[in-house]
Amino acid sequence: MEKDKYIGICKVGEKGQIVIPKEARDMFNIKPGDSIIVLCDKQKGIAIVKSDVIESMSDEILGGDNGK
């Protein structure tokens, strides 16, 4: 598989927690303590996005520094 793509499997624990596979964490530079956003659509499924991606998108849309 290409370096910019990854497919992995996560198990859901008793408390509803999942572990993001190391390869995916490395690909997106996800570190302990980082915030992620869970996007859900009953028809399309679940997506996990690192919050700084959404912040940079909002900065671009709003044309500012997102209140910082």
PDB file of N, CA and C in Angstrom:
ATOM      1  N   MET A   1       0.846  -1.186   0.000  1.00  0.00           N
ATOM      2  CA  MET A   1       0.000   0.000   0.000  1.00  0.00           C
ATOM      3  C   MET A   1       0.889   1.246   0.000  1.00  0.00           C
ATOM      4  N   GLU A   2       0.406   2.313  -0.607  1.00  0.00           N
ATOM      5  CA  GLU A   2       1.160   3.561  -0.683  1.00  0.00           C
ATOM      6  C   GLU A   2       1.421   4.123   0.709  1.00  0.00           C
ATOM      7  N   LYS A   3       2.497   4.925   0.831  1.00  0.00           N
ATOM      8  CA  LYS A   3       2.857   5.502   2.124  1.00  0.00           C
ATOM      9  C   LYS A   3       1.824   6.496   2.639  1.00  0.00           C
ATOM     10  N   ASP A   4       1.019   7.079   1.745  1.00  0.00           N
ATOM     11  CA  ASP A   4       0.037   8.063   2.186  1.00  0.00           C
ATOM     12  C   ASP A   4      -1.336   7.444   2.419  1.00  0.00           C
ATOM     13  N   LYS A   5      -1.394   6.117   2.466  1.00  0.00           N
ATOM     14  CA  LYS A   5      -2.655   5.428   2.728  1.00  0.00           C
ATOM     15  C   LYS A   5      -2.421   4.341   3.772  1.00  0.00           C
ATOM     16  N   TYR A   6      -3.449   4.060   4.553  1.00  0.00           N
ATOM     17  CA  TYR A   6      -3.337   3.022   5.574  1.00  0.00           C
ATOM     18  C   TYR A   6      -4.724   2.455   5.853  1.00  0.00           C
ATOM     19  N   ILE A   7      -4.794   1.168   6.011  1.00  0.00           N
ATOM     20  CA  ILE A   7      -6.018   0.504   6.445  1.00  0.00           C
ATOM     21  C   ILE A   7      -5.652  -0.325   7.665  1.00  0.00           C
ATOM     22  N   GLY A   8      -6.405  -0.170   8.733  1.00  0.00           N
ATOM     23  CA  GLY A   8      -6.145  -0.920   9.949  1.00  0.00           C
ATOM     24  C   GLY A   8      -7.444  -1.303  10.624  1.00  0.00           C
ATOM     25  N   ILE A   9      -7.337  -2.135  11.618  1.00  0.00           N
ATOM     26  CA  ILE A   9      -8.503  -2.587  12.371  1.00  0.00           C
ATOM     27  C   ILE A   9      -8.326  -2.170  13.824  1.00  0.00           C
ATOM     28  N   CYS A  10      -9.394  -1.634  14.403  1.00  0.00           N
ATOM     29  CA  CYS A  10      -9.406  -1.270  15.821  1.00  0.00           C
ATOM     30  C   CYS A  10     -10.496  -2.079  16.503  1.00  0.00           C
ATOM     31  N   LYS A  11     -10.222  -2.502  17.714  1.00  0.00           N
ATOM     32  CA  LYS A  11     -11.257  -3.148  18.520  1.00  0.00           C
ATOM     33  C   LYS A  11     -11.802  -2.127  19.502  1.00  0.00           C
ATOM     34  N   VAL A  12     -13.077  -2.243  19.780  1.00  0.00           N
ATOM     35  CA  VAL A  12     -13.718  -1.371  20.758  1.00  0.00           C
ATOM     36  C   VAL A  12     -13.679  -2.079  22.104  1.00  0.00           C
ATOM     37  N   GLY A  13     -13.109  -1.396  23.103  1.00  0.00           N
ATOM     38  CA  GLY A  13     -13.015  -1.961  24.440  1.00  0.00           C
ATOM     39  C   GLY A  13     -14.327  -1.843  25.196  1.00  0.00           C
ATOM     40  N   GLU A  14     -14.342  -2.375  26.401  1.00  0.00           N
ATOM     41  CA  GLU A  14     -15.551  -2.381  27.233  1.00  0.00           C
ATOM     42  C   GLU A  14     -16.087  -0.985  27.511  1.00  0.00           C
ATOM     43  N   LYS A  15     -15.205  -0.001  27.580  1.00  0.00           N
ATOM     44  CA  LYS A  15     -15.616   1.375  27.866  1.00  0.00           C
ATOM     45  C   LYS A  15     -15.845   2.179  26.584  1.00  0.00           C
ATOM     46  N   GLY A  16     -15.847   1.511  25.434  1.00  0.00           N
ATOM     47  CA  GLY A  16     -16.064   2.200  24.170  1.00  0.00           C
ATOM     48  C   GLY A  16     -14.810   2.832  23.598  1.00  0.00           C
ATOM     49  N   GLN A  17     -13.672   2.547  24.191  1.00  0.00           N
ATOM     50  CA  GLN A  17     -12.420   3.136  23.727  1.00  0.00           C
ATOM     51  C   GLN A  17     -11.842   2.337  22.568  1.00  0.00           C
ATOM     52  N   ILE A  18     -11.167   3.060  21.676  1.00  0.00           N
ATOM     53  CA  ILE A  18     -10.433   2.402  20.599  1.00  0.00           C
ATOM     54  C   ILE A  18      -8.978   2.856  20.673  1.00  0.00           C
ATOM     55  N   VAL A  19      -8.099   2.038  20.140  1.00  0.00           N
ATOM     56  CA  VAL A  19      -6.694   2.410  20.028  1.00  0.00           C
ATOM     57  C   VAL A  19      -6.424   2.651  18.549  1.00  0.00           C
ATOM     58  N   ILE A  20      -5.958   3.848  18.238  1.00  0.00           N
ATOM     59  CA  ILE A  20      -5.602   4.165  16.856  1.00  0.00           C
ATOM     60  C   ILE A  20      -4.272   3.470  16.576  1.00  0.00           C
ATOM     61  N   PRO A  21      -4.205   2.668  15.520  1.00  0.00           N
ATOM     62  CA  PRO A  21      -2.966   1.941  15.232  1.00  0.00           C
ATOM     63  C   PRO A  21      -1.761   2.878  15.096  1.00  0.00           C
ATOM     64  N   LYS A  22      -0.602   2.388  15.513  1.00  0.00           N
ATOM     65  CA  LYS A  22       0.626   3.183  15.492  1.00  0.00           C
ATOM     66  C   LYS A  22       0.903   3.767  14.116  1.00  0.00           C
ATOM     67  N   GLU A  23       0.701   2.976  13.076  1.00  0.00           N
ATOM     68  CA  GLU A  23       0.967   3.466  11.718  1.00  0.00           C
ATOM     69  C   GLU A  23       0.117   4.694  11.406  1.00  0.00           C
ATOM     70  N   ALA A  24      -1.138   4.673  11.820  1.00  0.00           N
ATOM     71  CA  ALA A  24      -2.028   5.815  11.580  1.00  0.00           C
ATOM     72  C   ALA A  24      -1.625   7.008  12.449  1.00  0.00           C
ATOM     73  N   ARG A  25      -1.264   6.743  13.716  1.00  0.00           N
ATOM     74  CA  ARG A  25      -0.811   7.838  14.588  1.00  0.00           C
ATOM     75  C   ARG A  25       0.441   8.493  14.028  1.00  0.00           C
ATOM     76  N   ASP A  26       1.363   7.680  13.549  1.00  0.00           N
ATOM     77  CA  ASP A  26       2.592   8.224  12.965  1.00  0.00           C
ATOM     78  C   ASP A  26       2.291   9.031  11.701  1.00  0.00           C
ATOM     79  N   MET A  27       1.407   8.512  10.860  1.00  0.00           N
ATOM     80  CA  MET A  27       1.078   9.175   9.602  1.00  0.00           C
ATOM     81  C   MET A  27       0.524  10.581   9.836  1.00  0.00           C
ATOM     82  N   PHE A  28      -0.286  10.727  10.895  1.00  0.00           N
ATOM     83  CA  PHE A  28      -0.931  12.009  11.165  1.00  0.00           C
ATOM     84  C   PHE A  28      -0.332  12.735  12.366  1.00  0.00           C
ATOM     85  N   ASN A  29       0.811  12.244  12.835  1.00  0.00           N
ATOM     86  CA  ASN A  29       1.520  12.873  13.950  1.00  0.00           C
ATOM     87  C   ASN A  29       0.601  13.072  15.160  1.00  0.00           C
ATOM     88  N   ILE A  30      -0.151  12.036  15.494  1.00  0.00           N
ATOM     89  CA  ILE A  30      -1.042  12.076  16.653  1.00  0.00           C
ATOM     90  C   ILE A  30      -0.254  11.623  17.874  1.00  0.00           C
ATOM     91  N   LYS A  31      -0.212  12.498  18.863  1.00  0.00           N
ATOM     92  CA  LYS A  31       0.550  12.249  20.084  1.00  0.00           C
ATOM     93  C   LYS A  31      -0.401  12.140  21.277  1.00  0.00           C
ATOM     94  N   PRO A  32       0.047  11.512  22.373  1.00  0.00           N
ATOM     95  CA  PRO A  32      -0.787  11.467  23.581  1.00  0.00           C
ATOM     96  C   PRO A  32      -1.198  12.876  23.997  1.00  0.00           C
ATOM     97  N   GLY A  33      -2.458  13.048  24.319  1.00  0.00           N
ATOM     98  CA  GLY A  33      -2.979  14.348  24.725  1.00  0.00           C
ATOM     99  C   GLY A  33      -3.561  15.168  23.586  1.00  0.00           C
ATOM    100  N   ASP A  34      -3.296  14.774  22.332  1.00  0.00           N
ATOM    101  CA  ASP A  34      -3.887  15.484  21.196  1.00  0.00           C
ATOM    102  C   ASP A  34      -5.398  15.311  21.204  1.00  0.00           C
ATOM    103  N   SER A  35      -6.088  16.306  20.684  1.00  0.00           N
ATOM    104  CA  SER A  35      -7.541  16.218  20.547  1.00  0.00           C
ATOM    105  C   SER A  35      -7.881  15.762  19.137  1.00  0.00           C
ATOM    106  N   ILE A  36      -8.890  14.919  19.058  1.00  0.00           N
ATOM    107  CA  ILE A  36      -9.391  14.498  17.756  1.00  0.00           C
ATOM    108  C   ILE A  36     -10.892  14.741  17.726  1.00  0.00           C
ATOM    109  N   ILE A  37     -11.417  14.860  16.534  1.00  0.00           N
ATOM    110  CA  ILE A  37     -12.846  15.079  16.346  1.00  0.00           C
ATOM    111  C   ILE A  37     -13.419  13.837  15.685  1.00  0.00           C
ATOM    112  N   VAL A  38     -14.551  13.375  16.187  1.00  0.00           N
ATOM    113  CA  VAL A  38     -15.230  12.222  15.611  1.00  0.00           C
ATOM    114  C   VAL A  38     -16.433  12.743  14.832  1.00  0.00           C
ATOM    115  N   LEU A  39     -16.441  12.473  13.530  1.00  0.00           N
ATOM    116  CA  LEU A  39     -17.539  12.880  12.657  1.00  0.00           C
ATOM    117  C   LEU A  39     -18.359  11.639  12.334  1.00  0.00           C
ATOM    118  N   CYS A  40     -19.664  11.713  12.533  1.00  0.00           N
ATOM    119  CA  CYS A  40     -20.518  10.538  12.343  1.00  0.00           C
ATOM    120  C   CYS A  40     -21.667  10.836  11.390  1.00  0.00           C
ATOM    121  N   ASP A  41     -21.950   9.876  10.544  1.00  0.00           N
ATOM    122  CA  ASP A  41     -23.081   9.935   9.625  1.00  0.00           C
ATOM    123  C   ASP A  41     -23.613   8.513   9.499  1.00  0.00           C
ATOM    124  N   LYS A  42     -24.886   8.306   9.799  1.00  0.00           N
ATOM    125  CA  LYS A  42     -25.439   6.946   9.786  1.00  0.00           C
ATOM    126  C   LYS A  42     -25.278   6.258   8.438  1.00  0.00           C
ATOM    127  N   GLN A  43     -25.306   7.007   7.361  1.00  0.00           N
ATOM    128  CA  GLN A  43     -25.181   6.421   6.030  1.00  0.00           C
ATOM    129  C   GLN A  43     -23.722   6.219   5.612  1.00  0.00           C
ATOM    130  N   LYS A  44     -22.859   7.158   5.984  1.00  0.00           N
ATOM    131  CA  LYS A  44     -21.477   7.143   5.495  1.00  0.00           C
ATOM    132  C   LYS A  44     -20.476   6.550   6.475  1.00  0.00           C
ATOM    133  N   GLY A  45     -20.808   6.526   7.765  1.00  0.00           N
ATOM    134  CA  GLY A  45     -19.898   5.936   8.738  1.00  0.00           C
ATOM    135  C   GLY A  45     -19.269   6.959   9.662  1.00  0.00           C
ATOM    136  N   ILE A  46     -18.114   6.596  10.204  1.00  0.00           N
ATOM    137  CA  ILE A  46     -17.409   7.403  11.197  1.00  0.00           C
ATOM    138  C   ILE A  46     -16.058   7.822  10.628  1.00  0.00           C
ATOM    139  N   ALA A  47     -15.695   9.071  10.868  1.00  0.00           N
ATOM    140  CA  ALA A  47     -14.372   9.569  10.491  1.00  0.00           C
ATOM    141  C   ALA A  47     -13.737  10.200  11.719  1.00  0.00           C
ATOM    142  N   ILE A  48     -12.445  10.033  11.848  1.00  0.00           N
ATOM    143  CA  ILE A  48     -11.693  10.638  12.948  1.00  0.00           C
ATOM    144  C   ILE A  48     -10.722  11.635  12.331  1.00  0.00           C
ATOM    145  N   VAL A  49     -10.774  12.871  12.821  1.00  0.00           N
ATOM    146  CA  VAL A  49      -9.942  13.937  12.270  1.00  0.00           C
ATOM    147  C   VAL A  49      -9.200  14.614  13.413  1.00  0.00           C
ATOM    148  N   LYS A  50      -7.910  14.839  13.231  1.00  0.00           N
ATOM    149  CA  LYS A  50      -7.147  15.573  14.228  1.00  0.00           C
ATOM    150  C   LYS A  50      -7.684  16.998  14.291  1.00  0.00           C
ATOM    151  N   SER A  51      -7.891  17.521  15.481  1.00  0.00           N
ATOM    152  CA  SER A  51      -8.579  18.806  15.631  1.00  0.00           C
ATOM    153  C   SER A  51      -7.851  19.962  14.962  1.00  0.00           C
ATOM    154  N   ASP A  52      -6.527  19.901  14.859  1.00  0.00           N
ATOM    155  CA  ASP A  52      -5.826  21.026  14.223  1.00  0.00           C
ATOM    156  C   ASP A  52      -6.142  21.132  12.734  1.00  0.00           C
ATOM    157  N   VAL A  53      -6.581  20.036  12.122  1.00  0.00           N
ATOM    158  CA  VAL A  53      -7.001  20.080  10.717  1.00  0.00           C
ATOM    159  C   VAL A  53      -8.264  20.930  10.593  1.00  0.00           C
ATOM    160  N   ILE A  54      -9.209  20.706  11.488  1.00  0.00           N
ATOM    161  CA  ILE A  54     -10.451  21.481  11.478  1.00  0.00           C
ATOM    162  C   ILE A  54     -10.155  22.944  11.807  1.00  0.00           C
ATOM    163  N   GLU A  55      -9.258  23.178  12.758  1.00  0.00           N
ATOM    164  CA  GLU A  55      -8.901  24.556  13.111  1.00  0.00           C
ATOM    165  C   GLU A  55      -8.303  25.285  11.920  1.00  0.00           C
ATOM    166  N   SER A  56      -7.410  24.621  11.191  1.00  0.00           N
ATOM    167  CA  SER A  56      -6.800  25.293  10.037  1.00  0.00           C
ATOM    168  C   SER A  56      -7.832  25.519   8.933  1.00  0.00           C
ATOM    169  N   MET A  57      -8.788  24.590   8.789  1.00  0.00           N
ATOM    170  CA  MET A  57      -9.857  24.789   7.804  1.00  0.00           C
ATOM    171  C   MET A  57     -10.721  25.981   8.195  1.00  0.00           C
ATOM    172  N   SER A  58     -11.045  26.098   9.482  1.00  0.00           N
ATOM    173  CA  SER A  58     -11.875  27.221   9.917  1.00  0.00           C
ATOM    174  C   SER A  58     -11.121  28.536   9.754  1.00  0.00           C
ATOM    175  N   ASP A  59      -9.817  28.520  10.008  1.00  0.00           N
ATOM    176  CA  ASP A  59      -9.012  29.724   9.781  1.00  0.00           C
ATOM    177  C   ASP A  59      -9.088  30.142   8.317  1.00  0.00           C
ATOM    178  N   GLU A  60      -8.981  29.158   7.436  1.00  0.00           N
ATOM    179  CA  GLU A  60      -9.021  29.443   6.008  1.00  0.00           C
ATOM    180  C   GLU A  60     -10.391  29.991   5.600  1.00  0.00           C
ATOM    181  N   ILE A  61     -11.449  29.378   6.117  1.00  0.00           N
ATOM    182  CA  ILE A  61     -12.810  29.810   5.780  1.00  0.00           C
ATOM    183  C   ILE A  61     -13.091  31.199   6.339  1.00  0.00           C
ATOM    184  N   LEU A  62     -12.696  31.418   7.598  1.00  0.00           N
ATOM    185  CA  LEU A  62     -12.994  32.683   8.258  1.00  0.00           C
ATOM    186  C   LEU A  62     -11.967  33.769   7.955  1.00  0.00           C
ATOM    187  N   GLY A  63     -10.852  33.367   7.357  1.00  0.00           N
ATOM    188  CA  GLY A  63      -9.835  34.340   6.986  1.00  0.00           C
ATOM    189  C   GLY A  63      -9.138  34.977   8.167  1.00  0.00           C
ATOM    190  N   GLY A  64      -9.003  34.230   9.242  1.00  0.00           N
ATOM    191  CA  GLY A  64      -8.358  34.794  10.423  1.00  0.00           C
ATOM    192  C   GLY A  64      -7.554  33.765  11.160  1.00  0.00           C
ATOM    193  N   ASP A  65      -7.314  34.075  12.424  1.00  0.00           N
ATOM    194  CA  ASP A  65      -6.512  33.174  13.243  1.00  0.00           C
ATOM    195  C   ASP A  65      -7.364  32.414  14.245  1.00  0.00           C
ATOM    196  N   ASN A  66      -8.675  32.288  13.968  1.00  0.00           N
ATOM    197  CA  ASN A  66      -9.599  31.515  14.799  1.00  0.00           C
ATOM    198  C   ASN A  66      -9.634  32.022  16.238  1.00  0.00           C
ATOM    199  N   GLY A  67      -9.541  33.344  16.390  1.00  0.00           N
ATOM    200  CA  GLY A  67      -9.655  33.946  17.713  1.00  0.00           C
ATOM    201  C   GLY A  67      -8.413  33.855  18.561  1.00  0.00           C
ATOM    202  N   LYS A  68      -7.299  33.444  17.992  1.00  0.00           N
ATOM    203  CA  LYS A  68      -6.063  33.298  18.782  1.00  0.00           C
ATOM    204  C   LYS A  68      -5.231  34.546  18.680  1.00  0.00           C
TER     205      LYS A  68
END
